[in-house]
Amino acid sequence: MAPMRNVIQSRTTGAFLAPSFEDGQPEWVMLLCEAAIVEDLETCVQLIEDHTEPFHRPQVIDLDGLYRPPPTL
């Protein structure tokens, strides 16, 4: 089974959680291309618990599930 590709996004600001270029600690960035890909839900949960506040209203986005081709008739 292929690893999942998830990102953590703030529903309040639209920002994404990503590692800092300076020290690697998670920080919020505005660009999806800078977001950290998280391959398992357990890590997502841990990152949300450790690095978000309730006002962020964090959500996990499954990048592979964003586009679903329309059903054929």
Foldseek 3Di string as FASTA:
>chain_A
DDFWWKWKAQPQPRWTWAQDPVPGDTDTDNDPVRTDTDRDVVVVVVCCVPPHDVNSVMDMDGPVPPDDDDDDD
